[in-house]
PDB file of all heavy atoms in Angstrom:
ATOM      1  N   THR A   1      -4.946  -3.857  -5.701  1.00  0.00           N
ATOM      2  CA  THR A   1      -3.671  -3.194  -5.430  1.00  0.00           C
ATOM      3  C   THR A   1      -3.511  -2.861  -3.951  1.00  0.00           C
ATOM      4  O   THR A   1      -2.428  -3.036  -3.387  1.00  0.00           O
ATOM      5  CB  THR A   1      -3.505  -1.920  -6.280  1.00  0.00           C
ATOM      6  OG1 THR A   1      -4.605  -1.051  -6.039  1.00  0.00           O
ATOM      7  CG2 THR A   1      -3.417  -2.251  -7.753  1.00  0.00           C
ATOM      8  N   VAL A   2      -4.574  -2.402  -3.307  1.00  0.00           N
ATOM      9  CA  VAL A   2      -4.507  -2.122  -1.870  1.00  0.00           C
ATOM     10  C   VAL A   2      -4.291  -3.422  -1.100  1.00  0.00           C
ATOM     11  O   VAL A   2      -3.492  -3.475  -0.165  1.00  0.00           O
ATOM     12  CB  VAL A   2      -5.769  -1.383  -1.377  1.00  0.00           C
ATOM     13  CG1 VAL A   2      -5.820  -1.335   0.140  1.00  0.00           C
ATOM     14  CG2 VAL A   2      -5.818   0.025  -1.941  1.00  0.00           C
ATOM     15  N   GLY A   3      -4.976  -4.470  -1.496  1.00  0.00           N
ATOM     16  CA  GLY A   3      -4.818  -5.768  -0.832  1.00  0.00           C
ATOM     17  C   GLY A   3      -3.396  -6.296  -0.935  1.00  0.00           C
ATOM     18  O   GLY A   3      -2.829  -6.790   0.046  1.00  0.00           O
ATOM     19  N   ILE A   4      -2.787  -6.171  -2.111  1.00  0.00           N
ATOM     20  CA  ILE A   4      -1.407  -6.625  -2.290  1.00  0.00           C
ATOM     21  C   ILE A   4      -0.462  -5.780  -1.449  1.00  0.00           C
ATOM     22  O   ILE A   4       0.442  -6.311  -0.780  1.00  0.00           O
ATOM     23  CB  ILE A   4      -1.012  -6.581  -3.785  1.00  0.00           C
ATOM     24  CG1 ILE A   4      -1.777  -7.664  -4.559  1.00  0.00           C
ATOM     25  CG2 ILE A   4       0.495  -6.744  -3.965  1.00  0.00           C
ATOM     26  CD1 ILE A   4      -1.645  -7.565  -6.063  1.00  0.00           C
ATOM     27  N   ALA A   5      -0.669  -4.458  -1.458  1.00  0.00           N
ATOM     28  CA  ALA A   5       0.203  -3.570  -0.675  1.00  0.00           C
ATOM     29  C   ALA A   5       0.076  -3.837   0.818  1.00  0.00           C
ATOM     30  O   ALA A   5       1.077  -3.893   1.539  1.00  0.00           O
ATOM     31  CB  ALA A   5      -0.129  -2.115  -0.976  1.00  0.00           C
ATOM     32  N   VAL A   6      -1.150  -4.020   1.294  1.00  0.00           N
ATOM     33  CA  VAL A   6      -1.386  -4.284   2.717  1.00  0.00           C
ATOM     34  C   VAL A   6      -0.779  -5.633   3.114  1.00  0.00           C
ATOM     35  O   VAL A   6      -0.088  -5.736   4.128  1.00  0.00           O
ATOM     36  CB  VAL A   6      -2.895  -4.215   3.036  1.00  0.00           C
ATOM     37  CG1 VAL A   6      -3.215  -4.861   4.368  1.00  0.00           C
ATOM     38  CG2 VAL A   6      -3.373  -2.768   3.018  1.00  0.00           C
ATOM     39  N   ALA A   7      -1.023  -6.644   2.309  1.00  0.00           N
ATOM     40  CA  ALA A   7      -0.464  -7.971   2.619  1.00  0.00           C
ATOM     41  C   ALA A   7       1.054  -7.934   2.600  1.00  0.00           C
ATOM     42  O   ALA A   7       1.711  -8.494   3.500  1.00  0.00           O
ATOM     43  CB  ALA A   7      -0.985  -9.001   1.610  1.00  0.00           C
ATOM     44  N   GLY A   8       1.642  -7.276   1.627  1.00  0.00           N
ATOM     45  CA  GLY A   8       3.088  -7.158   1.554  1.00  0.00           C
ATOM     46  C   GLY A   8       3.668  -6.419   2.743  1.00  0.00           C
ATOM     47  O   GLY A   8       4.707  -6.801   3.288  1.00  0.00           O
ATOM     48  N   THR A   9       2.985  -5.354   3.162  1.00  0.00           N
ATOM     49  CA  THR A   9       3.450  -4.571   4.313  1.00  0.00           C
ATOM     50  C   THR A   9       3.411  -5.398   5.589  1.00  0.00           C
ATOM     51  O   THR A   9       4.355  -5.374   6.386  1.00  0.00           O
ATOM     52  CB  THR A   9       2.591  -3.300   4.471  1.00  0.00           C
ATOM     53  OG1 THR A   9       2.659  -2.532   3.268  1.00  0.00           O
ATOM     54  CG2 THR A   9       3.042  -2.453   5.635  1.00  0.00           C
ATOM     55  N   ILE A  10       2.330  -6.143   5.779  1.00  0.00           N
ATOM     56  CA  ILE A  10       2.211  -6.982   6.976  1.00  0.00           C
ATOM     57  C   ILE A  10       3.280  -8.080   6.977  1.00  0.00           C
ATOM     58  O   ILE A  10       3.945  -8.306   7.988  1.00  0.00           O
ATOM     59  CB  ILE A  10       0.799  -7.605   7.078  1.00  0.00           C
ATOM     60  CG1 ILE A  10      -0.229  -6.528   7.410  1.00  0.00           C
ATOM     61  CG2 ILE A  10       0.751  -8.702   8.120  1.00  0.00           C
ATOM     62  CD1 ILE A  10      -1.660  -7.012   7.345  1.00  0.00           C
ATOM     63  N   VAL A  11       3.426  -8.754   5.859  1.00  0.00           N
ATOM     64  CA  VAL A  11       4.406  -9.844   5.774  1.00  0.00           C
ATOM     65  C   VAL A  11       5.824  -9.314   5.998  1.00  0.00           C
ATOM     66  O   VAL A  11       6.599  -9.892   6.772  1.00  0.00           O
ATOM     67  CB  VAL A  11       4.303 -10.582   4.413  1.00  0.00           C
ATOM     68  CG1 VAL A  11       5.476 -11.517   4.192  1.00  0.00           C
ATOM     69  CG2 VAL A  11       2.989 -11.349   4.335  1.00  0.00           C
ATOM     70  N   LEU A  12       6.157  -8.201   5.362  1.00  0.00           N
ATOM     71  CA  LEU A  12       7.495  -7.633   5.524  1.00  0.00           C
ATOM     72  C   LEU A  12       7.726  -7.185   6.967  1.00  0.00           C
ATOM     73  O   LEU A  12       8.770  -7.495   7.555  1.00  0.00           O
ATOM     74  CB  LEU A  12       7.691  -6.458   4.570  1.00  0.00           C
ATOM     75  CG  LEU A  12       9.060  -5.792   4.602  1.00  0.00           C
ATOM     76  CD1 LEU A  12      10.145  -6.785   4.207  1.00  0.00           C
ATOM     77  CD2 LEU A  12       9.071  -4.586   3.679  1.00  0.00           C
ATOM     78  N   GLY A  13       6.767  -6.487   7.549  1.00  0.00           N
ATOM     79  CA  GLY A  13       6.907  -6.027   8.929  1.00  0.00           C
ATOM     80  C   GLY A  13       7.056  -7.177   9.906  1.00  0.00           C
ATOM     81  O   GLY A  13       7.911  -7.143  10.798  1.00  0.00           O
ATOM     82  N   PHE A  14       6.231  -8.201   9.749  1.00  0.00           N
ATOM     83  CA  PHE A  14       6.288  -9.350  10.645  1.00  0.00           C
ATOM     84  C   PHE A  14       7.591 -10.126  10.457  1.00  0.00           C
ATOM     85  O   PHE A  14       8.203 -10.568  11.439  1.00  0.00           O
ATOM     86  CB  PHE A  14       5.077 -10.260  10.429  1.00  0.00           C
ATOM     87  CG  PHE A  14       4.982 -11.373  11.413  1.00  0.00           C
ATOM     88  CD1 PHE A  14       4.651 -11.124  12.739  1.00  0.00           C
ATOM     89  CD2 PHE A  14       5.229 -12.685  11.040  1.00  0.00           C
ATOM     90  CE1 PHE A  14       4.573 -12.156  13.673  1.00  0.00           C
ATOM     91  CE2 PHE A  14       5.155 -13.725  11.956  1.00  0.00           C
ATOM     92  CZ  PHE A  14       4.822 -13.448  13.276  1.00  0.00           C
ATOM     93  N   THR A  15       8.029 -10.278   9.224  1.00  0.00           N
ATOM     94  CA  THR A  15       9.270 -11.001   8.949  1.00  0.00           C
ATOM     95  C   THR A  15      10.464 -10.300   9.582  1.00  0.00           C
ATOM     96  O   THR A  15      11.320 -10.949  10.199  1.00  0.00           O
ATOM     97  CB  THR A  15       9.486 -11.141   7.427  1.00  0.00           C
ATOM     98  OG1 THR A  15       8.359 -11.814   6.870  1.00  0.00           O
ATOM     99  CG2 THR A  15      10.750 -11.912   7.115  1.00  0.00           C
ATOM    100  N   VAL A  16      10.520  -8.982   9.441  1.00  0.00           N
ATOM    101  CA  VAL A  16      11.612  -8.217  10.047  1.00  0.00           C
ATOM    102  C   VAL A  16      11.546  -8.333  11.569  1.00  0.00           C
ATOM    103  O   VAL A  16      12.569  -8.521  12.230  1.00  0.00           O
ATOM    104  CB  VAL A  16      11.556  -6.738   9.595  1.00  0.00           C
ATOM    105  CG1 VAL A  16      12.467  -5.865  10.436  1.00  0.00           C
ATOM    106  CG2 VAL A  16      11.915  -6.626   8.117  1.00  0.00           C
ATOM    107  N   TYR A  17      10.340  -8.253  12.115  1.00  0.00           N
ATOM    108  CA  TYR A  17      10.179  -8.315  13.575  1.00  0.00           C
ATOM    109  C   TYR A  17      10.635  -9.657  14.137  1.00  0.00           C
ATOM    110  O   TYR A  17      11.384  -9.704  15.112  1.00  0.00           O
ATOM    111  CB  TYR A  17       8.736  -8.039  13.958  1.00  0.00           C
ATOM    112  CG  TYR A  17       8.465  -8.192  15.425  1.00  0.00           C
ATOM    113  CD1 TYR A  17       8.982  -7.291  16.348  1.00  0.00           C
ATOM    114  CD2 TYR A  17       7.699  -9.250  15.902  1.00  0.00           C
ATOM    115  CE1 TYR A  17       8.744  -7.429  17.705  1.00  0.00           C
ATOM    116  CE2 TYR A  17       7.452  -9.401  17.254  1.00  0.00           C
ATOM    117  CZ  TYR A  17       7.977  -8.492  18.153  1.00  0.00           C
ATOM    118  OH  TYR A  17       7.743  -8.635  19.499  1.00  0.00           O
ATOM    119  N   ILE A  18      10.206 -10.757  13.541  1.00  0.00           N
ATOM    120  CA  ILE A  18      10.556 -12.070  14.106  1.00  0.00           C
ATOM    121  C   ILE A  18      12.027 -12.419  13.888  1.00  0.00           C
ATOM    122  O   ILE A  18      12.546 -13.313  14.551  1.00  0.00           O
ATOM    123  CB  ILE A  18       9.644 -13.214  13.597  1.00  0.00           C
ATOM    124  CG1 ILE A  18       9.770 -13.394  12.093  1.00  0.00           C
ATOM    125  CG2 ILE A  18       8.212 -12.985  14.016  1.00  0.00           C
ATOM    126  CD1 ILE A  18       9.071 -14.638  11.563  1.00  0.00           C
ATOM    127  N   ALA A  19      12.706 -11.712  12.979  1.00  0.00           N
ATOM    128  CA  ALA A  19      14.135 -11.964  12.777  1.00  0.00           C
ATOM    129  C   ALA A  19      14.934 -11.614  14.032  1.00  0.00           C
ATOM    130  O   ALA A  19      15.929 -12.280  14.334  1.00  0.00           O
ATOM    131  CB  ALA A  19      14.647 -11.160  11.585  1.00  0.00           C
ATOM    132  N   ASP A  20      14.489 -10.592  14.764  1.00  0.00           N
ATOM    133  CA  ASP A  20      15.143 -10.210  16.020  1.00  0.00           C
ATOM    134  C   ASP A  20      14.161  -9.348  16.804  1.00  0.00           C
ATOM    135  O   ASP A  20      14.113  -8.133  16.621  1.00  0.00           O
ATOM    136  CB  ASP A  20      16.444  -9.452  15.760  1.00  0.00           C
ATOM    137  CG  ASP A  20      17.188  -9.105  17.048  1.00  0.00           C
ATOM    138  OD1 ASP A  20      16.731  -9.495  18.141  1.00  0.00           O
ATOM    139  OD2 ASP A  20      18.236  -8.438  16.950  1.00  0.00           O
ATOM    140  N   THR A  21      13.391  -9.989  17.673  1.00  0.00           N
ATOM    141  CA  THR A  21      12.334  -9.278  18.398  1.00  0.00           C
ATOM    142  C   THR A  21      12.865  -8.286  19.422  1.00  0.00           C
ATOM    143  O   THR A  21      12.121  -7.422  19.887  1.00  0.00           O
ATOM    144  CB  THR A  21      11.387 -10.276  19.108  1.00  0.00           C
ATOM    145  OG1 THR A  21      12.159 -11.074  20.008  1.00  0.00           O
ATOM    146  CG2 THR A  21      10.674 -11.154  18.104  1.00  0.00           C
ATOM    147  N   LYS A  22      14.132  -8.387  19.782  1.00  0.00           N
ATOM    148  CA  LYS A  22      14.698  -7.467  20.775  1.00  0.00           C
ATOM    149  C   LYS A  22      15.288  -6.208  20.147  1.00  0.00           C
ATOM    150  O   LYS A  22      15.562  -5.244  20.847  1.00  0.00           O
ATOM    151  CB  LYS A  22      15.752  -8.190  21.604  1.00  0.00           C
ATOM    152  CG  LYS A  22      15.161  -9.285  22.461  1.00  0.00           C
ATOM    153  CD  LYS A  22      16.202  -9.976  23.286  1.00  0.00           C
ATOM    154  CE  LYS A  22      15.522 -11.089  24.097  1.00  0.00           C
ATOM    155  NZ  LYS A  22      16.455 -11.817  24.918  1.00  0.00           N
ATOM    156  N   SER A  23      15.463  -6.200  18.842  1.00  0.00           N
ATOM    157  CA  SER A  23      16.049  -5.055  18.153  1.00  0.00           C
ATOM    158  C   SER A  23      15.050  -3.893  18.104  1.00  0.00           C
ATOM    159  O   SER A  23      13.910  -4.059  17.666  1.00  0.00           O
ATOM    160  CB  SER A  23      16.448  -5.442  16.730  1.00  0.00           C
ATOM    161  OG  SER A  23      16.739  -4.297  15.965  1.00  0.00           O
ATOM    162  N   ILE A  24      15.479  -2.713  18.537  1.00  0.00           N
ATOM    163  CA  ILE A  24      14.619  -1.530  18.499  1.00  0.00           C
ATOM    164  C   ILE A  24      14.270  -1.166  17.058  1.00  0.00           C
ATOM    165  O   ILE A  24      13.163  -0.714  16.768  1.00  0.00           O
ATOM    166  CB  ILE A  24      15.266  -0.330  19.243  1.00  0.00           C
ATOM    167  CG1 ILE A  24      14.298   0.856  19.338  1.00  0.00           C
ATOM    168  CG2 ILE A  24      16.548   0.107  18.572  1.00  0.00           C
ATOM    169  CD1 ILE A  24      13.140   0.642  20.244  1.00  0.00           C
ATOM    170  N   THR A  25      15.201  -1.382  16.139  1.00  0.00           N
ATOM    171  CA  THR A  25      14.934  -1.100  14.731  1.00  0.00           C
ATOM    172  C   THR A  25      13.833  -2.014  14.204  1.00  0.00           C
ATOM    173  O   THR A  25      12.897  -1.553  13.534  1.00  0.00           O
ATOM    174  CB  THR A  25      16.219  -1.259  13.890  1.00  0.00           C
ATOM    175  OG1 THR A  25      17.190  -0.328  14.358  1.00  0.00           O
ATOM    176  CG2 THR A  25      15.957  -1.017  12.429  1.00  0.00           C
ATOM    177  N   ASN A  26      13.924  -3.290  14.504  1.00  0.00           N
ATOM    178  CA  ASN A  26      12.919  -4.244  14.030  1.00  0.00           C
ATOM    179  C   ASN A  26      11.549  -3.968  14.644  1.00  0.00           C
ATOM    180  O   ASN A  26      10.527  -4.028  13.954  1.00  0.00           O
ATOM    181  CB  ASN A  26      13.357  -5.675  14.334  1.00  0.00           C
ATOM    182  CG  ASN A  26      14.581  -6.075  13.540  1.00  0.00           C
ATOM    183  OD1 ASN A  26      15.278  -5.230  12.989  1.00  0.00           O
ATOM    184  ND2 ASN A  26      14.857  -7.361  13.497  1.00  0.00           N
ATOM    185  N   ARG A  27      11.525  -3.665  15.935  1.00  0.00           N
ATOM    186  CA  ARG A  27      10.241  -3.362  16.593  1.00  0.00           C
ATOM    187  C   ARG A  27       9.621  -2.098  16.017  1.00  0.00           C
ATOM    188  O   ARG A  27       8.407  -2.031  15.786  1.00  0.00           O
ATOM    189  CB  ARG A  27      10.422  -3.232  18.093  1.00  0.00           C
ATOM    190  CG  ARG A  27      10.660  -4.551  18.792  1.00  0.00           C
ATOM    191  CD  ARG A  27      10.726  -4.372  20.269  1.00  0.00           C
ATOM    192  NE  ARG A  27      11.678  -3.276  20.568  1.00  0.00           N
ATOM    193  CZ  ARG A  27      12.334  -3.154  21.669  1.00  0.00           C
ATOM    194  NH1 ARG A  27      12.162  -4.012  22.639  1.00  0.00           N
ATOM    195  NH2 ARG A  27      13.186  -2.172  21.855  1.00  0.00           N
ATOM    196  N   THR A  28      10.447  -1.083  15.794  1.00  0.00           N
ATOM    197  CA  THR A  28       9.932   0.174  15.262  1.00  0.00           C
ATOM    198  C   THR A  28       9.447   0.002  13.825  1.00  0.00           C
ATOM    199  O   THR A  28       8.419   0.549  13.443  1.00  0.00           O
ATOM    200  CB  THR A  28      11.017   1.271  15.331  1.00  0.00           C
ATOM    201  OG1 THR A  28      11.478   1.369  16.678  1.00  0.00           O
ATOM    202  CG2 THR A  28      10.484   2.608  14.883  1.00  0.00           C
ATOM    203  N   PHE A  29      10.177  -0.776  13.038  1.00  0.00           N
ATOM    204  CA  PHE A  29       9.725  -1.050  11.675  1.00  0.00           C
ATOM    205  C   PHE A  29       8.401  -1.796  11.685  1.00  0.00           C
ATOM    206  O   PHE A  29       7.515  -1.514  10.867  1.00  0.00           O
ATOM    207  CB  PHE A  29      10.773  -1.845  10.900  1.00  0.00           C
ATOM    208  CG  PHE A  29      10.373  -2.092   9.472  1.00  0.00           C
ATOM    209  CD1 PHE A  29      10.483  -1.082   8.538  1.00  0.00           C
ATOM    210  CD2 PHE A  29       9.877  -3.316   9.082  1.00  0.00           C
ATOM    211  CE1 PHE A  29      10.096  -1.288   7.217  1.00  0.00           C
ATOM    212  CE2 PHE A  29       9.484  -3.536   7.770  1.00  0.00           C
ATOM    213  CZ  PHE A  29       9.594  -2.524   6.831  1.00  0.00           C
ATOM    214  N   PHE A  30       8.249  -2.729  12.603  1.00  0.00           N
ATOM    215  CA  PHE A  30       6.988  -3.469  12.713  1.00  0.00           C
ATOM    216  C   PHE A  30       5.843  -2.522  13.095  1.00  0.00           C
ATOM    217  O   PHE A  30       4.755  -2.600  12.526  1.00  0.00           O
ATOM    218  CB  PHE A  30       7.129  -4.597  13.735  1.00  0.00           C
ATOM    219  CG  PHE A  30       5.894  -5.433  13.882  1.00  0.00           C
ATOM    220  CD1 PHE A  30       5.385  -6.152  12.810  1.00  0.00           C
ATOM    221  CD2 PHE A  30       5.237  -5.514  15.101  1.00  0.00           C
ATOM    222  CE1 PHE A  30       4.251  -6.931  12.942  1.00  0.00           C
ATOM    223  CE2 PHE A  30       4.097  -6.287  15.242  1.00  0.00           C
ATOM    224  CZ  PHE A  30       3.604  -7.005  14.154  1.00  0.00           C
ATOM    225  N   GLN A  31       6.077  -1.617  14.038  1.00  0.00           N
ATOM    226  CA  GLN A  31       5.053  -0.634  14.410  1.00  0.00           C
ATOM    227  C   GLN A  31       4.702   0.247  13.219  1.00  0.00           C
ATOM    228  O   GLN A  31       3.518   0.519  12.962  1.00  0.00           O
ATOM    229  CB  GLN A  31       5.546   0.228  15.581  1.00  0.00           C
ATOM    230  CG  GLN A  31       5.695  -0.527  16.864  1.00  0.00           C
ATOM    231  CD  GLN A  31       6.522   0.224  17.904  1.00  0.00           C
ATOM    232  OE1 GLN A  31       7.256   1.147  17.592  1.00  0.00           O
ATOM    233  NE2 GLN A  31       6.409  -0.206  19.155  1.00  0.00           N
ATOM    234  N   PHE A  32       5.718   0.677  12.496  1.00  0.00           N
ATOM    235  CA  PHE A  32       5.490   1.492  11.308  1.00  0.00           C
ATOM    236  C   PHE A  32       4.662   0.726  10.277  1.00  0.00           C
ATOM    237  O   PHE A  32       3.732   1.272   9.678  1.00  0.00           O
ATOM    238  CB  PHE A  32       6.828   1.940  10.706  1.00  0.00           C
ATOM    239  CG  PHE A  32       6.699   2.620   9.385  1.00  0.00           C
ATOM    240  CD1 PHE A  32       6.178   3.898   9.292  1.00  0.00           C
ATOM    241  CD2 PHE A  32       7.097   1.983   8.220  1.00  0.00           C
ATOM    242  CE1 PHE A  32       6.047   4.537   8.059  1.00  0.00           C
ATOM    243  CE2 PHE A  32       6.976   2.599   6.993  1.00  0.00           C
ATOM    244  CZ  PHE A  32       6.449   3.883   6.916  1.00  0.00           C
ATOM    245  N   SER A  33       4.975  -0.543  10.079  1.00  0.00           N
ATOM    246  CA  SER A  33       4.243  -1.339   9.089  1.00  0.00           C
ATOM    247  C   SER A  33       2.792  -1.571   9.518  1.00  0.00           C
ATOM    248  O   SER A  33       1.891  -1.563   8.670  1.00  0.00           O
ATOM    249  CB  SER A  33       4.961  -2.659   8.799  1.00  0.00           C
ATOM    250  OG  SER A  33       4.952  -3.508   9.915  1.00  0.00           O
ATOM    251  N   LEU A  34       2.551  -1.744  10.818  1.00  0.00           N
ATOM    252  CA  LEU A  34       1.173  -1.902  11.287  1.00  0.00           C
ATOM    253  C   LEU A  34       0.360  -0.637  11.057  1.00  0.00           C
ATOM    254  O   LEU A  34      -0.775  -0.692  10.553  1.00  0.00           O
ATOM    255  CB  LEU A  34       1.147  -2.262  12.774  1.00  0.00           C
ATOM    256  CG  LEU A  34       1.521  -3.682  13.149  1.00  0.00           C
ATOM    257  CD1 LEU A  34       1.507  -3.856  14.665  1.00  0.00           C
ATOM    258  CD2 LEU A  34       0.585  -4.684  12.494  1.00  0.00           C
ATOM    259  N   VAL A  35       0.926   0.502  11.405  1.00  0.00           N
ATOM    260  CA  VAL A  35       0.228   1.774  11.213  1.00  0.00           C
ATOM    261  C   VAL A  35      -0.006   2.024   9.721  1.00  0.00           C
ATOM    262  O   VAL A  35      -1.074   2.488   9.325  1.00  0.00           O
ATOM    263  CB  VAL A  35       1.018   2.932  11.869  1.00  0.00           C
ATOM    264  CG1 VAL A  35       0.479   4.274  11.450  1.00  0.00           C
ATOM    265  CG2 VAL A  35       0.972   2.789  13.381  1.00  0.00           C
ATOM    266  N   THR A  36       0.979   1.688   8.895  1.00  0.00           N
ATOM    267  CA  THR A  36       0.828   1.850   7.448  1.00  0.00           C
ATOM    268  C   THR A  36      -0.282   0.956   6.910  1.00  0.00           C
ATOM    269  O   THR A  36      -1.048   1.367   6.034  1.00  0.00           O
ATOM    270  CB  THR A  36       2.168   1.548   6.740  1.00  0.00           C
ATOM    271  OG1 THR A  36       3.149   2.459   7.229  1.00  0.00           O
ATOM    272  CG2 THR A  36       2.052   1.676   5.243  1.00  0.00           C
ATOM    273  N   THR A  37      -0.391  -0.240   7.449  1.00  0.00           N
ATOM    274  CA  THR A  37      -1.459  -1.153   7.058  1.00  0.00           C
ATOM    275  C   THR A  37      -2.829  -0.579   7.406  1.00  0.00           C
ATOM    276  O   THR A  37      -3.742  -0.567   6.559  1.00  0.00           O
ATOM    277  CB  THR A  37      -1.269  -2.516   7.753  1.00  0.00           C
ATOM    278  OG1 THR A  37      -0.043  -3.083   7.311  1.00  0.00           O
ATOM    279  CG2 THR A  37      -2.409  -3.460   7.450  1.00  0.00           C
ATOM    280  N   PHE A  38      -2.979  -0.078   8.623  1.00  0.00           N
ATOM    281  CA  PHE A  38      -4.255   0.529   9.021  1.00  0.00           C
ATOM    282  C   PHE A  38      -4.565   1.749   8.164  1.00  0.00           C
ATOM    283  O   PHE A  38      -5.698   1.951   7.741  1.00  0.00           O
ATOM    284  CB  PHE A  38      -4.254   0.908  10.506  1.00  0.00           C
ATOM    285  CG  PHE A  38      -4.357  -0.268  11.422  1.00  0.00           C
ATOM    286  CD1 PHE A  38      -3.379  -0.508  12.370  1.00  0.00           C
ATOM    287  CD2 PHE A  38      -5.427  -1.137  11.349  1.00  0.00           C
ATOM    288  CE1 PHE A  38      -3.462  -1.597  13.225  1.00  0.00           C
ATOM    289  CE2 PHE A  38      -5.527  -2.233  12.194  1.00  0.00           C
ATOM    290  CZ  PHE A  38      -4.537  -2.461  13.129  1.00  0.00           C
ATOM    291  N   TRP A  39      -3.540   2.574   7.889  1.00  0.00           N
ATOM    292  CA  TRP A  39      -3.740   3.749   7.059  1.00  0.00           C
ATOM    293  C   TRP A  39      -4.225   3.347   5.660  1.00  0.00           C
ATOM    294  O   TRP A  39      -5.161   3.938   5.133  1.00  0.00           O
ATOM    295  CB  TRP A  39      -2.443   4.564   6.947  1.00  0.00           C
ATOM    296  CG  TRP A  39      -2.596   5.726   6.025  1.00  0.00           C
ATOM    297  CD1 TRP A  39      -3.129   6.947   6.308  1.00  0.00           C
ATOM    298  CD2 TRP A  39      -2.244   5.757   4.638  1.00  0.00           C
ATOM    299  NE1 TRP A  39      -3.110   7.733   5.199  1.00  0.00           N
ATOM    300  CE2 TRP A  39      -2.571   7.023   4.150  1.00  0.00           C
ATOM    301  CE3 TRP A  39      -1.670   4.823   3.776  1.00  0.00           C
ATOM    302  CZ2 TRP A  39      -2.357   7.402   2.835  1.00  0.00           C
ATOM    303  CZ3 TRP A  39      -1.455   5.202   2.455  1.00  0.00           C
ATOM    304  CH2 TRP A  39      -1.798   6.467   2.003  1.00  0.00           C
ATOM    305  N   GLY A  40      -3.600   2.329   5.075  1.00  0.00           N
ATOM    306  CA  GLY A  40      -3.998   1.872   3.748  1.00  0.00           C
ATOM    307  C   GLY A  40      -5.433   1.374   3.712  1.00  0.00           C
ATOM    308  O   GLY A  40      -6.194   1.681   2.786  1.00  0.00           O
ATOM    309  N   CYS A  41      -5.821   0.621   4.730  1.00  0.00           N
ATOM    310  CA  CYS A  41      -7.194   0.095   4.796  1.00  0.00           C
ATOM    311  C   CYS A  41      -8.219   1.213   4.975  1.00  0.00           C
ATOM    312  O   CYS A  41      -9.241   1.249   4.281  1.00  0.00           O
ATOM    313  CB  CYS A  41      -7.317  -0.922   5.925  1.00  0.00           C
ATOM    314  SG  CYS A  41      -6.394  -2.440   5.651  1.00  0.00           S
ATOM    315  N   VAL A  42      -7.949   2.118   5.893  1.00  0.00           N
ATOM    316  CA  VAL A  42      -8.883   3.217   6.152  1.00  0.00           C
ATOM    317  C   VAL A  42      -8.956   4.136   4.938  1.00  0.00           C
ATOM    318  O   VAL A  42     -10.034   4.605   4.567  1.00  0.00           O
ATOM    319  CB  VAL A  42      -8.479   3.997   7.431  1.00  0.00           C
ATOM    320  CG1 VAL A  42      -9.294   5.259   7.600  1.00  0.00           C
ATOM    321  CG2 VAL A  42      -8.628   3.108   8.651  1.00  0.00           C
TER     322      VAL A  42
END
């Protein structure tokens, strides 16, 4: 379950980010998803 959640978070964050790398919303969501991924793993 942690693996699925972490993988889903990374994929979603990266997908949103690459859709528009200049958007502050997309960049912030990607940062949030990275931190959430680290939190889930730790």
